[in-house]
């Protein structure tokens, strides 16, 4: 019933929480999730547009640089005068054409900041060297020529070469153009290297990571010749797996170096060459910004739902606790326990009114039960008086039996030894009789007095039987025998049975061990002898007579002791009997006790 009530209480609390969940939490989170997703999409689209715009800017700028350089070389490559003096043995008649070509090259170098160096190479040995016109004996020794594909006349390449001072080696974008001459005997090439710093200043100003690649001479790899991060230069441009065509425009999400970015890739064919440039722009900060805003919105939604959730939870817990208190009081009263709480917490509402009605009902029931219990107490007093009378009768049966045995012991001692031990026997008898008479009619005595009486009794028996009766009393150190109460004359009848029925027929040394210990708050008493013992059938018969009184002299003492223990301490206590194989007999007594000094 209590479990069912607790389940009901939990249902009320859970109903409140479920109502809050369905009416507040779910709508807020659904709306918030939809809003966050839309915001993320809008921010992603906006950042994509920014990346696209920057990629177009870079692409346009690079196209403008490469195209303007290429078109400016038309004057050199298609000039008839240049074709004549480069393909002829040089004489003074070609001096004007030579100087004009030199001047044109110089102006291109100075006017176009993108050009780091410009050189016209010829294998005509008659042509004099100048700053911009160089004689080359073997083209195969030139690095730019080695990278030039066979049969290719105009080509953009990214190659490593010595700088203008010849001290360091640098990698730069290079345009190689073939210059025709009037004589097939000589070959001329115009080689232009673009300045890396100029490209960086013009292309890498947006703050995005930019990569520009050029197809290698084998037309398979895409080698990066420009990057805002220098570590990617001379590496292969990372493309989506679906890219196979030369003309390509891609906008989406990629990963470079394990970092997620919004990426735009544009390709274009260089002006009047077969070369393809690839421009890739990455925005790594886009998703970082999107995630920060997303987390901010999520935290805001959590705050909007968490605070009300705490309030609702505390209120539902408070309301549920009040119901639980009321249910518990009602259940307590239904079980007959009317010591319920005096007041009910909370405001003066329907629950408080219900509790007041419960209190009135409990008061009326208590008055009726008080009258009933008083009648039961009177009846129990009569039963207790009857049990006390039975107890006194049982105790009186022990004393005459013991006195008879004691007198018989003295008589036998006198007959056997004369008068030399009579005085000692009479002294022990007097001490024994004094203890018996002193405790006749008393409920309790101390364990020390009871053990002293046992020692006296054993001394008398030793005088009678000599070495046939020996005894040992072992007391646990934690037992304070002076402050432990016990029923008087409780152990002596058991010791007497051990002597009469256990050791009397023993020819050798008989031994009785009495052990007293404290086991889990109980006084544990063991009386054990090494006598003739009993069979299993005899043990069962003795136990039966001990629990069901019959006129048997062998079990009358055990029955009295067992009955006294049960009457005084309760039905769960009493004697336990055990046999030790075919020899010896053991009696165990476990009694509750509490130390006292008021004996």
Protein backbone atom coordinates (compact mmCIF):
# COMPACT_ATOMS: atom_id res chain seq x y z
CA UNK A 1 0.00 0.00 0.00
CA UNK A 2 2.83 2.39 0.90
CA UNK A 3 4.61 1.49 -2.33
CA UNK A 4 1.41 2.22 -4.27
CA UNK A 5 1.07 5.59 -2.53
CA UNK A 6 4.68 6.50 -3.27
CA UNK A 7 4.05 5.61 -6.92
CA UNK A 8 1.08 7.95 -6.98
CA UNK A 9 3.22 10.74 -5.49
CA UNK A 10 5.87 10.22 -8.12
CA UNK A 11 3.19 10.30 -10.80
CA UNK A 12 1.99 13.71 -9.64
CA UNK A 13 5.55 15.06 -9.67
CA UNK A 14 6.26 13.52 -13.05
CA UNK A 15 3.01 14.86 -14.46
CA UNK A 16 4.07 18.39 -13.55
CA UNK A 17 7.51 17.85 -15.09
CA UNK A 18 5.96 16.26 -18.19
CA UNK A 19 3.58 19.20 -18.59
CA UNK A 20 6.50 21.62 -18.37
CA UNK A 21 8.48 19.49 -20.82
CA UNK A 22 5.69 19.41 -23.39
CA UNK A 23 4.58 23.02 -23.03
CA UNK A 24 7.93 24.80 -22.61
CA UNK A 25 11.04 22.69 -23.14
CA UNK A 26 10.04 20.92 -26.37
CA UNK A 27 8.65 24.02 -28.18
CA UNK A 28 11.60 26.19 -27.15
CA UNK A 29 14.13 23.59 -28.26
CA UNK A 30 12.32 22.88 -31.52
CA UNK A 31 12.06 26.56 -32.36
CA UNK A 32 15.60 27.18 -31.16
CA UNK A 33 17.00 24.28 -33.19
CA UNK A 34 15.20 25.47 -36.31
CA UNK A 35 16.44 29.02 -35.76
CA UNK A 36 20.02 27.86 -35.17
CA UNK A 37 19.98 25.73 -38.32
CA UNK A 38 18.61 28.63 -40.37
CA UNK A 39 21.17 31.00 -38.86
CA UNK A 40 23.99 28.60 -39.60
CA UNK A 41 22.80 28.25 -43.19
CA UNK A 42 22.55 31.99 -43.66
CA UNK A 43 25.97 32.56 -42.14
CA UNK A 44 27.45 29.78 -44.27
CA UNK A 45 25.87 31.26 -47.40
CA UNK A 46 27.14 34.71 -46.49
CA UNK A 47 30.67 33.42 -45.90
CA UNK A 48 30.50 31.46 -49.15
CA UNK A 49 29.62 34.64 -50.99
CA UNK A 50 32.61 36.39 -49.38
CA UNK A 51 34.93 33.56 -50.36
CA UNK A 52 33.52 33.50 -53.89
CA UNK A 53 34.02 37.24 -54.23
CA UNK A 54 37.61 37.02 -53.03
CA UNK A 55 38.33 34.03 -55.27
CA UNK A 56 36.96 35.98 -58.26
CA UNK A 57 39.12 38.95 -57.25
CA UNK A 58 42.25 36.82 -57.05
CA UNK A 59 41.39 35.10 -60.30
CA UNK A 60 40.78 38.43 -62.07
CA UNK A 61 43.95 39.95 -60.69
CA UNK A 62 46.06 36.99 -61.73
CA UNK A 63 44.42 36.92 -65.14
CA UNK A 64 45.14 40.64 -65.54
CA UNK A 65 48.80 40.19 -64.53
CA UNK A 66 49.45 37.21 -66.79
CA UNK A 67 47.54 38.64 -69.73
CA UNK A 68 49.15 42.08 -69.55
CA UNK A 69 52.60 40.51 -69.38
CA UNK A 70 51.86 38.23 -72.27
CA UNK A 71 50.44 41.03 -74.48
CA UNK A 72 53.34 43.34 -73.64
CA UNK A 73 55.75 40.77 -75.03
CA UNK A 74 54.05 40.88 -78.42
CA UNK A 75 56.20 43.85 -79.38
CA UNK A 76 59.32 41.79 -78.85
CA UNK A 77 58.18 38.48 -80.33
CA UNK A 78 56.43 39.84 -83.43
CA UNK A 79 58.76 42.71 -84.28
CA UNK A 80 60.29 42.24 -87.77
CA UNK A 81 63.37 44.25 -86.91
CA UNK A 82 64.03 41.99 -83.96
CA UNK A 83 63.59 38.95 -86.16
CA UNK A 84 66.19 40.31 -88.59
CA UNK A 85 69.02 41.23 -86.22
CA UNK A 86 68.51 38.14 -84.07
CA UNK A 87 68.68 35.87 -87.12
CA UNK A 88 71.63 37.58 -88.83
CA UNK A 89 75.29 38.13 -88.17
CA UNK A 90 75.32 41.24 -86.08
CA UNK A 91 76.76 44.43 -87.67
CA UNK A 92 76.32 48.13 -87.01
CA UNK A 93 73.38 48.24 -89.38
CA UNK A 94 71.38 46.39 -86.73
CA UNK A 95 72.51 48.62 -83.91
CA UNK A 96 69.33 50.72 -83.90
CA UNK A 97 67.12 47.64 -83.87
CA UNK A 98 69.25 46.13 -81.06
CA UNK A 99 69.01 49.32 -78.98
CA UNK A 100 65.26 49.58 -79.57
CA UNK A 101 64.79 45.98 -78.40
CA UNK A 102 66.98 46.62 -75.34
CA UNK A 103 65.00 49.74 -74.51
CA UNK A 104 61.69 47.96 -74.89
CA UNK A 105 62.81 45.23 -72.51
CA UNK A 106 64.04 47.79 -70.02
CA UNK A 107 60.74 49.69 -70.08
CA UNK A 108 58.77 46.47 -69.55
CA UNK A 109 60.92 45.64 -66.52
CA UNK A 110 60.58 49.09 -65.00
CA UNK A 111 56.93 49.74 -65.86
CA UNK A 112 55.55 46.37 -64.78
CA UNK A 113 56.12 45.82 -61.07
CA UNK A 114 55.06 42.17 -61.35
CA UNK A 115 58.24 41.36 -63.35
CA UNK A 116 61.28 40.47 -61.28
CA UNK A 117 63.51 39.81 -64.31
CA UNK A 118 63.22 39.76 -68.10
CA UNK A 119 65.85 38.33 -70.44
CA UNK A 120 66.03 37.67 -74.15
CA UNK A 121 68.17 34.58 -74.76
CA UNK A 122 69.74 33.84 -78.19
CA UNK A 123 72.21 31.26 -79.44
CA UNK A 124 73.48 33.70 -82.11
CA UNK A 125 77.10 34.21 -81.05
CA UNK A 126 77.37 37.48 -82.96
CA UNK A 127 74.78 39.21 -80.77
CA UNK A 128 76.49 41.26 -78.04
CA UNK A 129 75.34 40.80 -74.40
CA UNK A 130 73.54 43.54 -72.53
CA UNK A 131 71.49 43.78 -69.38
CA UNK A 132 68.46 42.21 -71.02
CA UNK A 133 69.87 40.39 -74.07
CA UNK A 134 72.06 37.34 -73.34
CA UNK A 135 73.94 34.93 -75.54
CA UNK A 136 73.49 31.31 -74.52
CA UNK A 137 75.64 28.63 -76.06
CA UNK A 138 73.54 25.64 -75.02
CA UNK A 139 69.89 25.98 -74.12
CA UNK A 140 69.97 22.56 -72.46
CA UNK A 141 71.97 24.06 -69.59
CA UNK A 142 69.23 26.57 -68.79
CA UNK A 143 66.83 25.47 -66.03
CA UNK A 144 63.83 27.09 -67.68
CA UNK A 145 64.63 25.30 -70.94
CA UNK A 146 64.94 21.95 -69.16
CA UNK A 147 61.40 22.42 -67.77
CA UNK A 148 60.04 23.41 -71.17
CA UNK A 149 58.09 20.55 -72.81
CA UNK A 150 59.23 19.37 -76.21
CA UNK A 151 57.66 21.30 -79.07
CA UNK A 152 56.20 23.92 -76.73
CA UNK A 153 56.85 27.54 -77.70
CA UNK A 154 54.84 29.58 -75.19
CA UNK A 155 54.58 28.26 -71.66
CA UNK A 156 53.90 29.41 -68.10
CA UNK A 157 56.06 27.49 -65.62
CA UNK A 158 56.97 27.50 -61.96
CA UNK A 159 60.66 26.75 -61.67
CA UNK A 160 63.56 27.16 -59.30
CA UNK A 161 66.48 29.31 -60.51
CA UNK A 162 69.31 31.49 -59.30
CA UNK A 163 68.40 35.04 -58.37
CA UNK A 164 69.73 38.05 -60.29
CA UNK A 165 72.86 38.13 -58.12
CA UNK A 166 73.44 34.42 -58.43
CA UNK A 167 73.69 33.99 -54.64
CA UNK A 168 70.41 32.32 -53.76
CA UNK A 169 67.98 30.02 -55.45
CA UNK A 170 64.35 30.99 -55.60
CA UNK A 171 61.18 29.57 -57.12
CA UNK A 172 59.13 31.94 -59.29
CA UNK A 173 56.41 31.91 -61.89
CA UNK A 174 57.95 32.16 -65.32
CA UNK A 175 56.70 32.94 -68.85
CA UNK A 176 58.76 31.54 -71.70
CA UNK A 177 58.01 32.74 -75.24
CA UNK A 178 59.65 31.64 -78.42
CA UNK A 179 60.89 34.54 -80.62
CA UNK A 180 61.00 33.83 -84.33
CA UNK A 181 63.98 34.93 -86.48
CA UNK A 182 64.65 35.16 -90.20
CA UNK A 183 67.12 32.32 -89.98
CA UNK A 184 66.19 28.82 -88.78
CA UNK A 185 69.82 28.48 -87.70
CA UNK A 186 69.26 30.49 -84.52
CA UNK A 187 66.65 30.20 -81.74
CA UNK A 188 65.60 32.98 -79.41
CA UNK A 189 63.49 32.80 -76.20
CA UNK A 190 62.06 35.56 -74.08
CA UNK A 191 62.07 34.54 -70.39
CA UNK A 192 60.14 36.58 -67.82
CA UNK A 193 60.09 35.80 -64.06
CA UNK A 194 57.31 37.26 -61.89
CA UNK A 195 58.13 38.79 -58.52
CA UNK A 196 56.76 36.77 -55.59
CA UNK A 197 56.44 39.76 -53.27
CA UNK A 198 54.43 41.68 -55.85
CA UNK A 199 52.08 38.72 -56.29
CA UNK A 200 51.66 38.43 -52.52
CA UNK A 201 50.87 42.12 -52.15
CA UNK A 202 48.28 42.03 -54.93
CA UNK A 203 46.72 38.60 -54.35
CA UNK A 204 46.94 37.88 -50.62
CA UNK A 205 45.30 40.96 -49.05
CA UNK A 206 41.89 39.61 -48.04
CA UNK A 207 42.82 37.67 -44.89
CA UNK A 208 41.66 34.37 -46.41
CA UNK A 209 44.11 31.60 -47.18
CA UNK A 210 44.76 31.65 -50.91
CA UNK A 211 46.43 29.02 -53.09
CA UNK A 212 47.25 29.36 -56.79
CA UNK A 213 48.46 26.36 -58.74
CA UNK A 214 49.69 25.79 -62.27
CA UNK A 215 49.56 22.56 -64.18
CA UNK A 216 52.97 20.94 -64.38
CA UNK A 217 54.71 20.27 -67.64
CA UNK A 218 53.22 16.76 -67.72
CA UNK A 219 49.73 18.31 -67.48
CA UNK A 220 48.82 16.02 -64.57
CA UNK A 221 49.83 17.65 -61.29
CA UNK A 222 48.79 21.02 -59.99
CA UNK A 223 51.77 22.62 -58.31
CA UNK A 224 51.13 25.54 -55.96
CA UNK A 225 53.30 28.52 -56.87
CA UNK A 226 51.55 31.05 -54.65
CA UNK A 227 50.13 30.67 -51.13
CA UNK A 228 49.52 32.95 -48.20
CA UNK A 229 51.12 30.15 -46.16
CA UNK A 230 54.56 29.47 -47.61
CA UNK A 231 54.66 25.88 -46.41
CA UNK A 232 52.24 24.87 -49.17
CA UNK A 233 54.38 26.28 -52.02
CA UNK A 234 55.70 23.58 -54.34
CA UNK A 235 53.07 21.13 -53.06
CA UNK A 236 50.13 19.71 -54.99
CA UNK A 237 46.87 21.60 -54.76
CA UNK A 238 44.26 19.56 -52.93
CA UNK A 239 41.11 19.20 -55.05
CA UNK A 240 37.80 17.44 -54.46
CA UNK A 241 37.80 13.91 -55.85
CA UNK A 242 35.09 14.77 -58.40
CA UNK A 243 37.25 17.33 -60.20
CA UNK A 244 38.41 16.03 -63.56
CA UNK A 245 37.81 18.81 -66.07
CA UNK A 246 40.08 21.79 -66.60
CA UNK A 247 37.36 24.37 -66.38
CA UNK A 248 35.96 24.12 -62.91
CA UNK A 249 34.13 26.30 -60.40
CA UNK A 250 33.50 24.81 -56.95
CA UNK A 251 32.05 26.32 -53.77
CA UNK A 252 31.60 24.22 -50.65
CA UNK A 253 33.21 22.75 -47.54
CA UNK A 254 36.64 21.13 -47.64
CA UNK A 255 39.35 20.12 -45.21
CA UNK A 256 42.94 21.22 -45.60
CA UNK A 257 45.49 20.08 -43.05
CA UNK A 258 42.67 18.60 -40.96
CA UNK A 259 40.93 21.99 -40.69
CA UNK A 260 37.40 22.57 -41.97
CA UNK A 261 36.95 25.55 -44.28
CA UNK A 262 34.57 27.16 -46.76
CA UNK A 263 36.32 26.84 -50.10
CA UNK A 264 35.95 28.32 -53.58
CA UNK A 265 37.96 26.98 -56.51
CA UNK A 266 38.13 28.61 -59.93
CA UNK A 267 40.18 27.53 -62.95
CA UNK A 268 40.99 29.50 -66.06
CA UNK A 269 43.07 29.03 -69.21
CA UNK A 270 45.96 31.43 -69.61
CA UNK A 271 45.85 33.91 -72.46
CA UNK A 272 47.04 32.34 -75.73
CA UNK A 273 48.76 29.40 -74.02
CA UNK A 274 47.67 25.91 -73.14
CA UNK A 275 48.31 26.51 -69.42
CA UNK A 276 45.65 26.31 -66.72
CA UNK A 277 45.70 28.23 -63.47
CA UNK A 278 43.78 27.07 -60.40
CA UNK A 279 42.74 29.54 -57.72
CA UNK A 280 41.63 28.19 -54.36
CA UNK A 281 40.48 30.40 -51.47
CA UNK A 282 39.82 28.96 -47.97
CA UNK A 283 38.06 30.65 -45.08
CA UNK A 284 38.98 28.72 -41.93
CA UNK A 285 37.45 31.28 -39.61
CA UNK A 286 33.96 30.92 -41.06
CA UNK A 287 32.98 27.74 -39.26
CA UNK A 288 34.76 28.91 -36.13
CA UNK A 289 32.55 32.02 -36.11
CA UNK A 290 29.48 29.98 -36.98
CA UNK A 291 30.21 27.52 -34.15
CA UNK A 292 30.80 30.32 -31.64
CA UNK A 293 27.46 31.92 -32.51
CA UNK A 294 25.78 28.50 -32.46
CA UNK A 295 27.19 27.73 -29.00
CA UNK A 296 26.11 31.18 -27.80
CA UNK A 297 22.55 30.56 -28.99
CA UNK A 298 22.53 27.06 -27.46
CA UNK A 299 23.71 28.44 -24.12
CA UNK A 300 21.02 31.09 -24.33
CA UNK A 301 18.36 28.45 -24.98
CA UNK A 302 19.73 26.31 -22.15
CA UNK A 303 19.52 29.31 -19.83
CA UNK A 304 15.94 30.04 -20.94
CA UNK A 305 14.91 26.46 -20.20
CA UNK A 306 17.21 25.58 -17.30
CA UNK A 307 16.10 28.36 -14.94
CA UNK A 308 12.37 27.63 -15.36
CA UNK A 309 13.15 23.91 -15.11
CA UNK A 310 14.80 24.47 -11.73
CA UNK A 311 11.80 26.48 -10.53
CA UNK A 312 9.32 23.87 -11.75
CA UNK A 313 11.43 21.03 -10.32
CA UNK A 314 11.68 22.68 -6.90
CA UNK A 315 7.97 23.44 -6.86
CA UNK A 316 6.98 19.93 -8.02
CA UNK A 317 9.33 18.44 -5.42
CA UNK A 318 7.84 20.65 -2.70
CA UNK A 319 4.28 19.76 -3.77
CA UNK A 320 5.16 16.07 -4.06
CA UNK A 321 6.82 16.10 -0.61
CA UNK A 322 3.67 17.55 0.95
CA UNK A 323 1.59 14.82 -0.65
CA UNK A 324 4.15 12.25 0.48
CA UNK A 325 3.97 13.52 4.08
CA UNK A 326 0.17 13.36 4.03
CA UNK A 327 0.15 9.89 2.47
CA UNK A 328 2.77 8.68 4.96
CA UNK A 329 0.71 9.96 7.91
CA UNK A 330 -2.41 8.27 6.57
CA UNK A 331 -0.55 5.01 5.97
CA UNK A 332 1.02 5.21 9.44
CA UNK A 333 -2.42 5.63 10.96
CA UNK A 334 -3.80 2.74 8.89
CA UNK A 335 -1.12 0.46 10.42
CA UNK A 336 -2.10 1.50 13.93
CA UNK A 337 0.78 3.92 14.59
CA UNK A 338 -0.89 7.15 15.67
CA UNK A 339 2.26 9.11 16.54
CA UNK A 340 1.95 11.20 13.38
CA UNK A 341 3.34 14.70 12.97
CA UNK A 342 1.61 17.52 14.80
CA UNK A 343 1.68 20.10 12.02
CA UNK A 344 1.58 20.11 8.23
CA UNK A 345 3.91 22.42 6.32
CA UNK A 346 2.69 24.72 3.60
CA UNK A 347 -0.12 27.17 3.06
CA UNK A 348 -3.67 26.73 4.28
CA UNK A 349 -4.96 24.79 1.28
CA UNK A 350 -6.91 21.58 0.59
CA UNK A 351 -3.98 19.38 1.68
CA UNK A 352 -3.72 21.17 5.05
CA UNK A 353 -7.51 20.75 5.59
CA UNK A 354 -7.27 17.03 4.79
CA UNK A 355 -4.45 16.67 7.33
CA UNK A 356 -6.53 18.35 10.07
CA UNK A 357 -9.39 15.91 9.41
CA UNK A 358 -6.89 13.05 9.69
CA UNK A 359 -5.69 14.34 13.09
CA UNK A 360 -9.27 14.42 14.42
CA UNK A 361 -9.85 10.86 13.21
CA UNK A 362 -6.60 9.64 14.82
CA UNK A 363 -7.48 11.24 18.17
CA UNK A 364 -10.84 9.46 18.24
CA UNK A 365 -9.28 6.10 17.38
CA UNK A 366 -6.59 6.57 20.05
CA UNK A 367 -9.18 7.11 22.76
CA UNK A 368 -11.02 3.92 21.80
CA UNK A 369 -7.82 1.87 21.60
CA UNK A 370 -6.61 3.22 24.98
CA UNK A 371 -9.66 1.72 26.67
CA UNK A 372 -9.09 -1.58 24.87
CA UNK A 373 -5.38 -1.72 25.80
CA UNK A 374 -6.14 -1.00 29.49
CA UNK A 375 -8.39 -4.05 29.54
CA UNK A 376 -5.63 -6.16 27.96
CA UNK A 377 -3.09 -4.93 30.54
CA UNK A 378 -5.33 -5.99 33.42
CA UNK A 379 -5.71 -9.40 31.85
CA UNK A 380 -1.95 -9.73 31.34
CA UNK A 381 -1.27 -8.88 34.99
CA UNK A 382 -3.36 -11.86 36.04
CA UNK A 383 -1.41 -14.11 33.62
CA UNK A 384 1.93 -12.81 34.99
CA UNK A 385 0.90 -13.58 38.56
CA UNK A 386 0.01 -17.11 37.52
CA UNK A 387 3.42 -17.57 35.78
CA UNK A 388 5.26 -16.26 38.87
CA UNK A 389 3.48 -18.82 41.04
CA UNK A 390 4.47 -21.58 38.59
CA UNK A 391 8.06 -20.32 38.63
CA UNK A 392 8.22 -20.42 42.44
CA UNK A 393 6.86 -23.96 42.44
CA UNK A 394 9.52 -25.09 39.93
CA UNK A 395 12.31 -23.47 41.97
CA UNK A 396 11.11 -25.15 45.17
CA UNK A 397 11.46 -28.57 43.54
CA UNK A 398 15.22 -28.11 43.16
CA UNK A 399 16.24 -27.25 46.74
CA UNK A 400 15.11 -30.46 48.55
CA UNK A 401 16.73 -32.60 45.91
CA UNK A 402 20.01 -30.78 46.30
CA UNK A 403 19.91 -30.85 50.12
CA UNK A 404 19.31 -34.58 50.02
CA UNK A 405 22.32 -35.17 47.81
CA UNK A 406 24.51 -32.91 49.96
CA UNK A 407 23.61 -34.76 53.19
CA UNK A 408 24.19 -38.08 51.48
CA UNK A 409 27.63 -36.88 50.39
CA UNK A 410 28.56 -35.96 53.99
CA UNK A 411 27.26 -39.29 55.23
CA UNK A 412 29.27 -41.25 52.72
CA UNK A 413 32.37 -39.18 53.51
CA UNK A 414 32.03 -39.90 57.20
CA UNK A 415 31.66 -43.61 56.60
CA UNK A 416 34.61 -43.75 54.25
CA UNK A 417 37.19 -41.60 56.03
CA UNK A 418 36.11 -41.17 59.60
CA UNK A 419 36.11 -37.68 61.14
CA UNK A 420 39.16 -36.07 59.44
CA UNK A 421 37.17 -34.41 56.63
CA UNK A 422 33.84 -33.97 58.39
CA UNK A 423 34.59 -30.39 59.47
CA UNK A 424 35.49 -29.38 55.92
CA UNK A 425 32.40 -31.07 54.54
CA UNK A 426 30.13 -29.38 57.03
CA UNK A 427 31.70 -25.98 56.22
CA UNK A 428 31.09 -26.44 52.51
CA UNK A 429 27.58 -27.64 53.19
CA UNK A 430 26.86 -24.61 55.34
CA UNK A 431 28.13 -22.27 52.68
CA UNK A 432 26.06 -24.03 50.06
CA UNK A 433 22.89 -23.99 52.15
CA UNK A 434 23.43 -20.32 52.94
CA UNK A 435 23.50 -19.44 49.23
CA UNK A 436 20.42 -21.54 48.52
CA UNK A 437 18.43 -20.03 51.35
CA UNK A 438 19.66 -16.53 50.50
CA UNK A 439 18.41 -16.79 46.91
CA UNK A 440 15.21 -18.62 47.60
CA UNK A 441 12.44 -16.32 46.33
CA UNK A 442 14.85 -13.85 44.69
CA UNK A 443 14.71 -13.18 40.92
CA UNK A 444 18.40 -12.52 40.20
CA UNK A 445 21.87 -12.82 41.64
CA UNK A 446 25.30 -11.84 40.38
CA UNK A 447 27.29 -14.17 38.15
CA UNK A 448 30.16 -14.01 40.68
CA UNK A 449 27.94 -15.38 43.47
CA UNK A 450 26.54 -18.10 41.24
CA UNK A 451 30.06 -19.21 40.20
CA UNK A 452 31.24 -19.15 43.82
CA UNK A 453 28.32 -21.42 44.71
CA UNK A 454 29.32 -23.78 41.85
CA UNK A 455 32.89 -23.93 43.16
CA UNK A 456 31.54 -24.83 46.62
CA UNK A 457 29.37 -27.53 45.15
CA UNK A 458 32.26 -28.94 43.10
CA UNK A 459 34.48 -29.01 46.20
CA UNK A 460 31.89 -31.08 48.01
CA UNK A 461 31.68 -33.47 45.07
CA UNK A 462 35.46 -33.72 44.92
CA UNK A 463 35.51 -34.74 48.60
CA UNK A 464 33.04 -37.46 47.72
CA UNK A 465 34.51 -38.78 44.49
CA UNK A 466 38.14 -37.70 44.84
CA UNK A 467 39.93 -37.73 41.44
CA UNK A 468 36.91 -39.14 39.68
CA UNK A 469 35.46 -35.60 39.70
CA UNK A 470 37.63 -32.71 38.52
CA UNK A 471 36.37 -29.35 37.35
CA UNK A 472 37.64 -26.27 35.49
CA UNK A 473 35.88 -22.90 35.19
CA UNK A 474 37.04 -20.63 32.33
CA UNK A 475 35.79 -17.04 32.29
CA UNK A 476 36.35 -14.70 29.33
CA UNK A 477 38.33 -11.56 30.36
CA UNK A 478 35.70 -9.21 28.91
CA UNK A 479 33.06 -10.51 31.33
CA UNK A 480 32.66 -8.48 34.53
CA UNK A 481 31.06 -11.20 36.66
CA UNK A 482 30.42 -8.83 39.57
CA UNK A 483 28.13 -6.68 37.41
CA UNK A 484 26.25 -9.34 35.44
CA UNK A 485 22.87 -10.61 36.64
CA UNK A 486 21.73 -14.21 36.28
CA UNK A 487 18.99 -16.46 37.62
CA UNK A 488 20.16 -18.17 40.88
CA UNK A 489 20.63 -21.96 41.00
CA UNK A 490 20.77 -22.08 37.17
CA UNK A 491 24.09 -23.85 36.56
CA UNK A 492 24.29 -26.21 39.59
CA UNK A 493 21.59 -28.69 38.48
CA UNK A 494 23.32 -29.08 35.10
CA UNK A 495 26.69 -29.73 36.82
CA UNK A 496 24.96 -32.19 39.13
CA UNK A 497 23.53 -34.10 36.13
CA UNK A 498 27.02 -34.19 34.59
CA UNK A 499 28.41 -35.82 37.78
CA UNK A 500 25.59 -38.26 38.41
CA UNK A 501 24.78 -39.37 34.87
CA UNK A 502 28.12 -38.63 33.18
CA UNK A 503 31.05 -39.18 35.57
CA UNK A 504 29.64 -41.60 38.15
CA UNK A 505 30.32 -44.60 35.93
CA UNK A 506 33.79 -43.38 34.89
CA UNK A 507 36.67 -45.32 36.46
CA UNK A 508 39.39 -42.89 35.44
CA UNK A 509 39.64 -39.15 35.98
CA UNK A 510 36.38 -37.43 35.19
CA UNK A 511 36.52 -33.82 34.06
CA UNK A 512 33.90 -31.08 33.86
CA UNK A 513 34.62 -27.83 32.01
CA UNK A 514 32.50 -24.73 32.55
CA UNK A 515 33.20 -21.96 29.99
CA UNK A 516 31.67 -18.48 30.09
CA UNK A 517 32.13 -16.05 27.15
CA UNK A 518 30.47 -13.03 25.55
CA UNK A 519 29.20 -13.82 22.02
CA UNK A 520 27.37 -11.02 20.19
CA UNK A 521 25.99 -9.54 23.40
CA UNK A 522 24.87 -12.87 24.85
CA UNK A 523 26.22 -14.66 27.93
CA UNK A 524 27.39 -17.97 26.41
CA UNK A 525 27.70 -20.78 29.08
CA UNK A 526 28.99 -24.23 28.11
CA UNK A 527 29.01 -27.16 30.64
CA UNK A 528 30.83 -30.15 29.17
CA UNK A 529 31.95 -33.49 30.69
CA UNK A 530 34.07 -36.40 29.43
CA UNK A 531 31.74 -39.04 30.84
CA UNK A 532 30.09 -42.07 29.32
CA UNK A 533 27.92 -39.96 27.03
CA UNK A 534 24.59 -40.92 25.45
CA UNK A 535 23.42 -42.47 22.23
CA UNK A 536 21.58 -40.48 19.57
CA UNK A 537 18.28 -42.06 20.62
CA UNK A 538 18.91 -41.25 24.29
CA UNK A 539 19.76 -37.65 23.41
CA UNK A 540 16.50 -37.26 21.49
CA UNK A 541 14.59 -38.76 24.45
CA UNK A 542 16.27 -36.38 26.92
CA UNK A 543 15.54 -33.34 24.72
CA UNK A 544 11.90 -34.43 24.41
CA UNK A 545 11.52 -34.80 28.20
CA UNK A 546 13.26 -31.45 28.74
CA UNK A 547 10.73 -29.68 26.51
CA UNK A 548 7.71 -31.75 27.55
CA UNK A 549 7.63 -32.45 31.29
CA UNK A 550 7.28 -36.09 32.30
CA UNK A 551 7.92 -37.83 35.64
CA UNK A 552 11.51 -38.80 34.91
CA UNK A 553 14.27 -38.28 37.44
CA UNK A 554 16.86 -37.98 34.71
CA UNK A 555 15.30 -34.94 33.05
CA UNK A 556 13.36 -33.20 35.84
CA UNK A 557 16.32 -30.91 36.60
CA UNK A 558 16.88 -29.99 32.94
CA UNK A 559 13.15 -29.39 32.47
CA UNK A 560 13.05 -27.04 35.47
CA UNK A 561 16.09 -25.07 34.31
CA UNK A 562 14.81 -24.84 30.74
CA UNK A 563 11.35 -23.77 31.92
CA UNK A 564 12.76 -21.14 34.28
CA UNK A 565 14.86 -19.62 31.47
CA UNK A 566 11.89 -19.45 29.09
CA UNK A 567 9.59 -17.96 31.72
CA UNK A 568 12.10 -15.31 32.71
CA UNK A 569 13.97 -14.44 29.49
CA UNK A 570 11.49 -15.47 26.82
CA UNK A 571 10.56 -18.45 24.68
CA UNK A 572 13.49 -17.89 22.27
CA UNK A 573 15.99 -18.80 25.03
CA UNK A 574 16.64 -22.13 26.78
CA UNK A 575 19.01 -25.09 26.95
CA UNK A 576 20.79 -26.81 24.04
CA UNK A 577 22.06 -30.39 24.45
CA UNK A 578 24.82 -32.05 22.41
CA UNK A 579 26.65 -35.40 22.44
CA UNK A 580 30.36 -35.75 21.67
CA UNK A 581 30.44 -38.93 19.57
CA UNK A 582 30.03 -41.83 22.05
CA UNK A 583 31.66 -40.04 25.04
CA UNK A 584 30.92 -36.85 26.80
CA UNK A 585 27.90 -34.60 27.03
CA UNK A 586 27.57 -30.82 26.50
CA UNK A 587 24.94 -28.33 27.63
CA UNK A 588 24.87 -24.80 26.16
CA UNK A 589 23.04 -21.81 27.66
CA UNK A 590 22.76 -18.45 25.84
CA UNK A 591 21.27 -15.68 27.98
CA UNK A 592 20.77 -11.96 27.32
CA UNK A 593 22.40 -9.77 29.89
CA UNK A 594 23.21 -6.16 30.66
CA UNK A 595 25.86 -5.21 33.23
CA UNK A 596 24.53 -3.59 36.40
CA UNK A 597 25.80 -2.44 39.75
CA UNK A 598 22.49 -2.59 41.52
CA UNK A 599 22.52 -6.16 42.81
